[in-house]
Every structure is written in C-alpha cells, then in structure tokens.
Amino acid sequence: MTLRRTSRMRPWAQFGVRMAIMIGMIVFIVAFHWCERDSLKDTHDGQISFVDVIYFTMISATTTGYGDVVPVTERARLFDALIVTPIRVFFLLLLAGTAYTFIIKRTWNRWLMKLIQKNLRDHILLAGFGISNDKALEELLARGTPAKRIVVIDSDQDALDRAAECGVAVLLGDSTRDETLLATHVERAAALLVSTGRDDSNILVTLTARKLSPRVKISVTIRETDNEDIARQAGADTVINPVSFTGLLLASSLEGPYRADYIADLATSAGSVELRERLVMPGEVGRSLHDIHTGQAVRLIRDGKVISRTDSQQLAPGDRILEIIDSV
C-alpha cells in the first residue's frame, strides 16, 4: 500500500478526454483534405486516394512532411500554415503531456510517495476524515504543524480528495486492518487521531494501533458514554465524547453568554487565550503551583493523577502543568 496525493480528474477520464481531442483534430484535418484533395499533389503516382489523405494528414500533424504529398494551391497551403501547423504544435504538446501524466508523472509520484512513506517519523495519523478529523486537520495546520507530517487514512475517495487539497499525504484503505496502519508506519508515529464515525470502528482501530505500536499517543472520539471505558481499555490515551461536550457547552451557556465563547477560545489557536499542557521545567522543581509565572496554572498532573490546587505539594520532575496563556 502506497501513499499518494490525489488529482482532480481520474486518470482514465484524463486519457479519454485527450484521446478524444486528438481524434477530433485528425478527423477535422482528414475531412478538409479529402474535400480539397484536388489541391494536393502526389509525386509518386499523381493520384490522391483516401489513403493518401490519411497518410498526408498524419505526416502533417506529427512532422513537417516528407515532400511526397504536398499542397499545391494557395488555399491548401494557407490551411496547412494557419490551421494544420498550430494543430501540429498542440498535437505534439498533447502527446507529450499525456506521456508525462500517465508515465513520467505517475512513476515519479509513486516513487516520491514511497520515499515519503519510507521516511515517515514522528508523524500524525488521522484515521477517518469526517467532520471531526476535518476540523482537527484544520487546527493542526493552524498551529503550525507541517503538512508533510500528517497522513490521512480513509476508505472514501472523496474524503481523501478533500484532505489532499491541504497538501497532506493520504492513503485509501481500511484503518482497522493491520496492513493499512503498517503502511503508514504507525509504529513510528507520534500520534493517532481516530474518528471514523462509528464507535465500534473507532475502538477496533484503537485496538489494532495499540497492538502495533505501544508508544503512539491515541486520541479517539466516542459518542456513546458506555463505550468510553472500552476505548480506554483498547489502549486510547484520550477519549473525547463530542456529544457530551456539546451538551456541557449548551448547559453552560445558560449561566452566561460568554462562557461557551471562552471555552472555545481555549480549545482553538484562533482564540485570544490558549490552554497549554507542558512538563515542569527544571527551574520550577521544588516550587508550588501558585509560583508559576509563565501563565495561569489551573491543574497539576502527577503520575497520571490530578493534584488539587489547594494541595501544597512541591513540584517534582515529570509533573505536567495545565496553564492558560495569551495566544501569540
């Protein structure tokens, strides 16, 4: 399985259009030459047959001719100079473009995608490209993540076409299968965002990815609350329930019109404030959470557990801090 970047038109459609144009031009020239065959001269036998017309047309359209069949009247010569010569140039360009598109370009792109695939390291995988991962991709790019570090997997060609427009690598396949995730080198990925549109598929993708890569960070969307624990058991590091989160925002908005806006600001890079998670710096070890000056510290996590702000414990190496900072 090879990564690829999509084109707007299917290859066979491109080929068919180009062949139709070339055939149409040839038919047009043949028809004119046959109607004006008295304007041509055959130096071999002096007779212009339909075969001679086809021969003269093909030679004229692809080369400058051999001189065995030549136009002798002014009208025939003007047609050759003003019509056939531009068509000849366009015809050759069309042939060269077709050869480039279907041979050189496709071979080059296939080699390039294999090279990208081979060198994937610390990349971000998006399994599924529905509304959730569409927004996730938009946010990743807005936060400065290079498009070359992102790979989108989906079984829907139209979805991949949309993703490829952003400059990311795409792979047509089923992300629940081992071979698909291995093709994107999930074992070397930094993170995997799973949102296929179904809880069962999301959990299966998570389970498969965790089996193939113990280290990759997996975030998964789960719509049914009962499935959240199953997703965690399958190996997800982060489980996000968009339905529950939307309900919380709706309920929160009743207590004030700006609370939901502020929460949205925290979640997106476009807001005026940002919620940042980071490791405790060496110079902060031994201090309390209240002494943090890089931002408004709101939560301390130690060994995967939340430490209350009212707890007077000193910061230790390996602790993680959630803080609110002003967006740059």
Protein backbone atom coordinates (compact mmCIF):
# COMPACT_ATOMS: atom_id res chain seq x y z
CA MET A 1 0.00 0.00 0.00
CA THR A 2 1.44 3.35 -1.07
CA LEU A 3 0.69 6.90 -0.01
CA ARG A 4 -0.44 9.24 -2.72
CA ARG A 5 -1.63 12.73 -3.41
CA THR A 6 -4.81 12.92 -5.43
CA SER A 7 -5.51 14.69 -8.72
CA ARG A 8 -8.80 16.38 -9.51
CA MET A 9 -9.60 14.19 -12.53
CA ARG A 10 -9.42 10.42 -12.71
CA PRO A 11 -6.55 9.13 -14.90
CA TRP A 12 -8.81 7.31 -17.37
CA ALA A 13 -11.00 10.38 -17.68
CA GLN A 14 -7.95 12.50 -18.47
CA PHE A 15 -6.75 9.96 -21.02
CA GLY A 16 -10.19 9.72 -22.65
CA VAL A 17 -10.52 13.50 -22.97
CA ARG A 18 -7.09 13.84 -24.54
CA MET A 19 -7.63 11.00 -26.97
CA ALA A 20 -11.00 12.46 -27.98
CA ILE A 21 -9.42 15.83 -28.67
CA MET A 22 -6.65 14.31 -30.78
CA ILE A 23 -9.06 12.10 -32.75
CA GLY A 24 -11.34 15.09 -33.30
CA MET A 25 -8.48 17.17 -34.70
CA ILE A 26 -7.36 14.35 -37.01
CA VAL A 27 -10.91 13.82 -38.30
CA PHE A 28 -11.23 17.54 -38.97
CA ILE A 29 -7.99 17.67 -40.98
CA VAL A 30 -8.78 14.46 -42.88
CA ALA A 31 -12.22 15.81 -43.81
CA PHE A 32 -10.79 19.07 -45.10
CA HIS A 33 -8.02 17.39 -47.07
CA TRP A 34 -10.46 14.91 -48.61
CA CYS A 35 -12.81 17.68 -49.67
CA GLU A 36 -9.84 19.62 -51.10
CA ARG A 37 -7.95 16.61 -52.47
CA ASP A 38 -7.62 18.35 -55.84
CA SER A 39 -5.39 20.86 -54.06
CA LEU A 40 -2.86 18.13 -53.23
CA LYS A 41 -0.26 16.54 -55.46
CA ASP A 42 1.23 13.05 -55.11
CA THR A 43 4.71 12.95 -56.64
CA HIS A 44 4.62 9.15 -56.67
CA ASP A 45 1.66 8.31 -58.93
CA GLY A 46 -0.10 11.62 -59.38
CA GLN A 47 -3.35 10.32 -57.82
CA ILE A 48 -4.76 11.34 -54.40
CA SER A 49 -6.66 8.50 -52.76
CA PHE A 50 -8.33 8.43 -49.35
CA VAL A 51 -5.31 6.51 -48.04
CA ASP A 52 -3.09 9.31 -49.36
CA VAL A 53 -5.24 11.84 -47.49
CA ILE A 54 -4.94 9.91 -44.23
CA TYR A 55 -1.20 9.50 -44.80
CA PHE A 56 -0.70 13.20 -45.56
CA THR A 57 -2.80 14.19 -42.55
CA MET A 58 -0.83 12.03 -40.11
CA ILE A 59 2.52 13.16 -41.50
CA SER A 60 1.47 16.82 -41.48
CA ALA A 61 0.01 16.63 -37.98
CA THR A 62 3.06 14.96 -36.44
CA THR A 63 6.01 16.15 -38.58
CA THR A 64 6.78 18.67 -41.32
CA GLY A 65 6.19 16.01 -44.00
CA TYR A 66 8.37 14.13 -46.45
CA GLY A 67 7.51 16.03 -49.61
CA ASP A 68 5.91 13.10 -51.43
CA VAL A 69 2.42 14.57 -50.99
CA VAL A 70 2.31 18.36 -51.00
CA PRO A 71 -0.32 21.13 -51.14
CA VAL A 72 -0.17 22.98 -54.46
CA THR A 73 -2.98 25.56 -54.25
CA GLU A 74 -2.95 28.70 -52.15
CA ARG A 75 -5.99 27.63 -50.17
CA ALA A 76 -4.41 24.27 -49.28
CA ARG A 77 -1.14 25.93 -48.31
CA LEU A 78 -2.91 28.54 -46.16
CA PHE A 79 -4.87 25.79 -44.42
CA ASP A 80 -1.62 23.93 -43.72
CA ALA A 81 0.11 27.09 -42.48
CA LEU A 82 -2.70 28.59 -40.40
CA ILE A 83 -4.64 25.52 -39.24
CA VAL A 84 -2.53 22.38 -39.51
CA THR A 85 0.68 23.92 -38.11
CA PRO A 86 -0.94 25.20 -34.85
CA ILE A 87 -2.76 21.88 -34.55
CA ARG A 88 0.57 20.08 -35.08
CA VAL A 89 2.14 22.04 -32.21
CA PHE A 90 -0.88 21.45 -29.97
CA PHE A 91 -0.97 17.78 -31.03
CA LEU A 92 2.66 17.25 -30.02
CA LEU A 93 2.17 19.10 -26.74
CA LEU A 94 -0.88 16.97 -26.02
CA LEU A 95 1.04 13.78 -26.72
CA ALA A 96 3.95 14.93 -24.58
CA GLY A 97 1.56 15.96 -21.79
CA THR A 98 -0.22 12.62 -21.93
CA ALA A 99 3.08 10.74 -21.77
CA TYR A 100 4.13 12.91 -18.83
CA THR A 101 0.85 12.45 -16.97
CA PHE A 102 0.44 8.73 -17.45
CA ILE A 103 4.05 7.55 -17.44
CA ILE A 104 6.60 10.02 -16.13
CA LYS A 105 4.46 11.85 -13.56
CA ARG A 106 2.76 8.74 -12.18
CA THR A 107 6.08 6.89 -11.94
CA TRP A 108 7.66 9.91 -10.26
CA ASN A 109 4.77 10.38 -7.82
CA ARG A 110 4.75 6.68 -6.96
CA TRP A 111 8.49 6.79 -6.24
CA LEU A 112 8.13 10.04 -4.28
CA MET A 113 5.28 8.69 -2.15
CA LYS A 114 7.23 5.53 -1.40
CA LEU A 115 10.16 7.69 -0.34
CA ILE A 116 7.90 9.77 1.92
CA GLN A 117 6.37 6.60 3.29
CA LYS A 118 9.79 5.12 4.00
CA ASN A 119 10.99 8.22 5.84
CA LEU A 120 7.88 8.81 7.98
CA ARG A 121 8.96 9.59 11.54
CA ASP A 122 7.06 11.23 14.41
CA HIS A 123 4.14 11.94 12.10
CA ILE A 124 0.46 12.36 12.93
CA LEU A 125 -2.09 9.91 11.60
CA LEU A 126 -5.76 10.78 11.10
CA ALA A 127 -7.91 7.66 10.85
CA GLY A 128 -11.11 8.76 9.17
CA PHE A 129 -11.77 12.14 7.60
CA GLY A 130 -15.25 13.17 8.64
CA ILE A 131 -16.24 16.41 10.35
CA SER A 132 -14.15 15.80 13.49
CA ASN A 133 -10.84 14.98 11.81
CA ASP A 134 -11.51 17.61 9.15
CA LYS A 135 -11.55 20.22 11.92
CA ALA A 136 -8.60 18.50 13.62
CA LEU A 137 -6.56 18.81 10.43
CA GLU A 138 -7.53 22.46 10.08
CA GLU A 139 -6.44 23.13 13.67
CA LEU A 140 -3.18 21.21 13.30
CA LEU A 141 -2.23 23.25 10.26
CA ALA A 142 -3.27 26.48 12.02
CA ARG A 143 -0.99 25.56 14.93
CA GLY A 144 1.95 25.29 12.57
CA THR A 145 2.15 21.53 12.10
CA PRO A 146 3.82 20.90 8.71
CA ALA A 147 1.51 19.22 6.22
CA LYS A 148 4.25 16.71 5.41
CA ARG A 149 3.98 15.36 8.97
CA ILE A 150 0.30 14.46 8.55
CA VAL A 151 -1.18 11.34 6.94
CA VAL A 152 -4.94 10.86 6.45
CA ILE A 153 -6.45 7.37 6.13
CA ASP A 154 -9.96 6.82 4.82
CA SER A 155 -11.89 4.38 2.66
CA ASP A 156 -13.81 7.21 0.95
CA GLN A 157 -12.08 8.62 -2.12
CA ASP A 158 -13.95 11.93 -1.96
CA ALA A 159 -12.84 12.46 1.63
CA LEU A 160 -9.23 11.82 0.65
CA ASP A 161 -9.53 14.27 -2.22
CA ARG A 162 -10.55 16.97 0.27
CA ALA A 163 -7.67 16.11 2.57
CA ALA A 164 -5.12 16.05 -0.25
CA GLU A 165 -6.03 19.64 -1.15
CA CYS A 166 -4.39 20.64 2.14
CA GLY A 167 -1.08 19.16 0.99
CA VAL A 168 -1.05 16.16 3.34
CA ALA A 169 -0.31 12.57 2.34
CA VAL A 170 -3.35 10.32 2.03
CA LEU A 171 -3.93 6.58 1.96
CA LEU A 172 -7.02 4.83 0.64
CA GLY A 173 -7.71 1.90 2.94
CA ASP A 174 -9.41 0.46 6.00
CA SER A 175 -7.70 1.78 9.12
CA THR A 176 -8.97 -1.18 11.19
CA ARG A 177 -6.64 -3.51 9.28
CA ASP A 178 -3.05 -4.21 10.25
CA GLU A 179 -1.68 -3.75 6.73
CA THR A 180 -3.16 -0.25 6.43
CA LEU A 181 -1.66 1.01 9.68
CA LEU A 182 1.64 -0.71 8.94
CA ALA A 183 1.72 1.02 5.54
CA THR A 184 1.60 4.36 7.36
CA HIS A 185 4.22 3.19 9.89
CA VAL A 186 2.04 3.61 12.94
CA GLU A 187 4.89 2.12 14.99
CA ARG A 188 6.91 5.28 14.25
CA ALA A 189 4.03 7.78 14.53
CA ALA A 190 3.85 10.41 17.26
CA ALA A 191 0.05 10.42 17.47
CA LEU A 192 -3.08 8.85 16.05
CA LEU A 193 -6.40 10.70 15.91
CA VAL A 194 -9.28 8.27 15.43
CA SER A 195 -12.68 9.46 14.20
CA THR A 196 -14.25 7.09 11.69
CA GLY A 197 -17.86 7.97 12.53
CA ARG A 198 -18.68 4.75 14.42
CA ASP A 199 -17.78 3.80 17.98
CA ASP A 200 -17.14 0.16 17.15
CA SER A 201 -14.81 1.07 14.27
CA ASN A 202 -13.03 3.65 16.42
CA ILE A 203 -12.42 1.08 19.15
CA LEU A 204 -11.20 -1.51 16.65
CA VAL A 205 -8.78 1.00 15.10
CA THR A 206 -7.53 1.86 18.58
CA LEU A 207 -7.07 -1.79 19.48
CA THR A 208 -5.22 -2.52 16.24
CA ALA A 209 -2.98 0.52 16.54
CA ARG A 210 -2.12 -0.20 20.17
CA LYS A 211 -1.18 -3.75 19.25
CA LEU A 212 1.17 -2.48 16.54
CA SER A 213 2.60 0.44 18.49
CA PRO A 214 2.80 0.58 22.29
CA ARG A 215 4.19 4.13 22.23
CA VAL A 216 1.90 6.04 19.86
CA LYS A 217 -0.45 8.53 21.55
CA ILE A 218 -4.03 7.68 20.61
CA SER A 219 -6.94 10.09 20.82
CA VAL A 220 -10.36 8.75 19.88
CA THR A 221 -13.88 10.14 19.59
CA ILE A 222 -16.64 8.11 21.26
CA ARG A 223 -20.30 9.09 21.04
CA GLU A 224 -21.82 6.62 23.50
CA THR A 225 -20.82 7.10 27.13
CA ASP A 226 -20.91 3.34 27.74
CA ASN A 227 -18.14 2.87 25.17
CA GLU A 228 -15.68 5.29 26.75
CA ASP A 229 -14.23 2.74 29.18
CA ILE A 230 -13.99 0.18 26.38
CA ALA A 231 -11.99 2.64 24.29
CA ARG A 232 -9.60 3.23 27.19
CA GLN A 233 -9.23 -0.50 27.71
CA ALA A 234 -8.46 -0.83 24.00
CA GLY A 235 -5.49 1.48 24.51
CA ALA A 236 -6.72 5.04 23.94
CA ASP A 237 -4.79 7.73 25.84
CA THR A 238 -7.54 10.30 25.36
CA VAL A 239 -11.24 9.68 24.86
CA ILE A 240 -13.38 12.56 23.65
CA ASN A 241 -17.16 12.44 23.64
CA PRO A 242 -18.33 15.23 21.31
CA VAL A 243 -21.97 14.67 22.22
CA SER A 244 -21.36 15.06 25.95
CA PHE A 245 -19.07 18.04 25.41
CA THR A 246 -21.68 19.79 23.27
CA GLY A 247 -24.27 19.23 25.99
CA LEU A 248 -21.94 20.72 28.60
CA LEU A 249 -21.43 23.82 26.44
CA LEU A 250 -25.16 24.21 25.92
CA ALA A 251 -25.89 23.94 29.64
CA SER A 252 -23.01 26.25 30.49
CA SER A 253 -24.28 28.91 28.10
CA LEU A 254 -27.43 29.32 30.22
CA GLU A 255 -25.37 30.80 33.04
CA GLY A 256 -23.75 33.44 30.87
CA PRO A 257 -23.42 34.28 27.16
CA TYR A 258 -19.60 34.37 27.18
CA ARG A 259 -18.67 31.12 28.89
CA ALA A 260 -19.02 28.98 25.78
CA ASP A 261 -17.01 31.52 23.76
CA TYR A 262 -14.21 31.44 26.32
CA ILE A 263 -14.09 27.64 26.32
CA ALA A 264 -13.93 27.71 22.51
CA ASP A 265 -11.06 30.21 22.74
CA LEU A 266 -9.18 27.82 24.99
CA ALA A 267 -9.60 24.96 22.53
CA THR A 268 -8.55 26.70 19.31
CA SER A 269 -5.42 28.50 18.17
CA ALA A 270 -7.59 31.30 16.75
CA GLY A 271 -8.72 32.42 20.22
CA SER A 272 -7.19 35.15 22.38
CA VAL A 273 -6.24 32.66 25.09
CA GLU A 274 -4.88 29.13 24.90
CA LEU A 275 -4.84 26.15 27.23
CA ARG A 276 -1.32 24.69 27.23
CA GLU A 277 -0.03 21.46 28.71
CA ARG A 278 3.68 21.14 29.46
CA LEU A 279 6.25 19.41 31.61
CA VAL A 280 7.58 21.11 34.71
CA MET A 281 10.83 22.92 33.90
CA PRO A 282 13.97 22.22 35.97
CA GLY A 283 13.89 25.72 37.48
CA GLU A 284 10.34 25.13 38.77
CA VAL A 285 11.10 21.93 40.68
CA GLY A 286 10.57 22.47 44.41
CA ARG A 287 8.15 25.34 43.94
CA SER A 288 4.38 25.27 44.37
CA LEU A 289 1.82 25.54 41.58
CA HIS A 290 0.99 29.07 42.75
CA ASP A 291 4.53 30.21 41.91
CA ILE A 292 4.20 29.50 38.18
CA HIS A 293 4.65 32.73 36.20
CA THR A 294 4.52 31.51 32.59
CA GLY A 295 0.72 31.51 32.66
CA GLN A 296 -2.29 30.92 34.86
CA ALA A 297 -1.71 27.40 36.19
CA VAL A 298 -5.02 25.56 36.58
CA ARG A 299 -4.08 21.94 37.08
CA LEU A 300 -1.17 19.74 38.14
CA ILE A 301 -0.88 16.13 36.96
CA ARG A 302 1.47 13.68 38.64
CA ASP A 303 1.78 10.04 37.58
CA GLY A 304 -1.44 10.38 35.60
CA LYS A 305 -3.43 11.72 38.57
CA VAL A 306 -4.77 15.21 39.11
CA ILE A 307 -3.34 17.07 42.12
CA SER A 308 -5.70 19.65 43.65
CA ARG A 309 -4.64 23.31 43.50
CA THR A 310 -5.22 23.51 47.22
CA ASP A 311 -2.59 20.83 47.75
CA SER A 312 0.66 22.42 48.92
CA GLN A 313 2.89 19.72 47.41
CA GLN A 314 6.02 20.94 45.71
CA LEU A 315 6.52 20.46 42.00
CA ALA A 316 8.58 17.42 41.09
CA PRO A 317 10.39 16.30 37.92
CA GLY A 318 7.99 14.66 35.47
CA ASP A 319 4.94 16.60 36.66
CA ARG A 320 2.71 18.09 34.00
CA ILE A 321 1.06 21.52 34.23
CA LEU A 322 -2.06 22.81 32.54
CA GLU A 323 -1.96 26.59 32.24
CA ILE A 324 -3.85 29.33 30.46
CA ILE A 325 -1.70 31.66 28.40
CA ASP A 326 -2.31 34.51 25.99
CA SER A 327 -2.23 33.42 22.35
CA VAL A 328 0.72 34.76 20.40
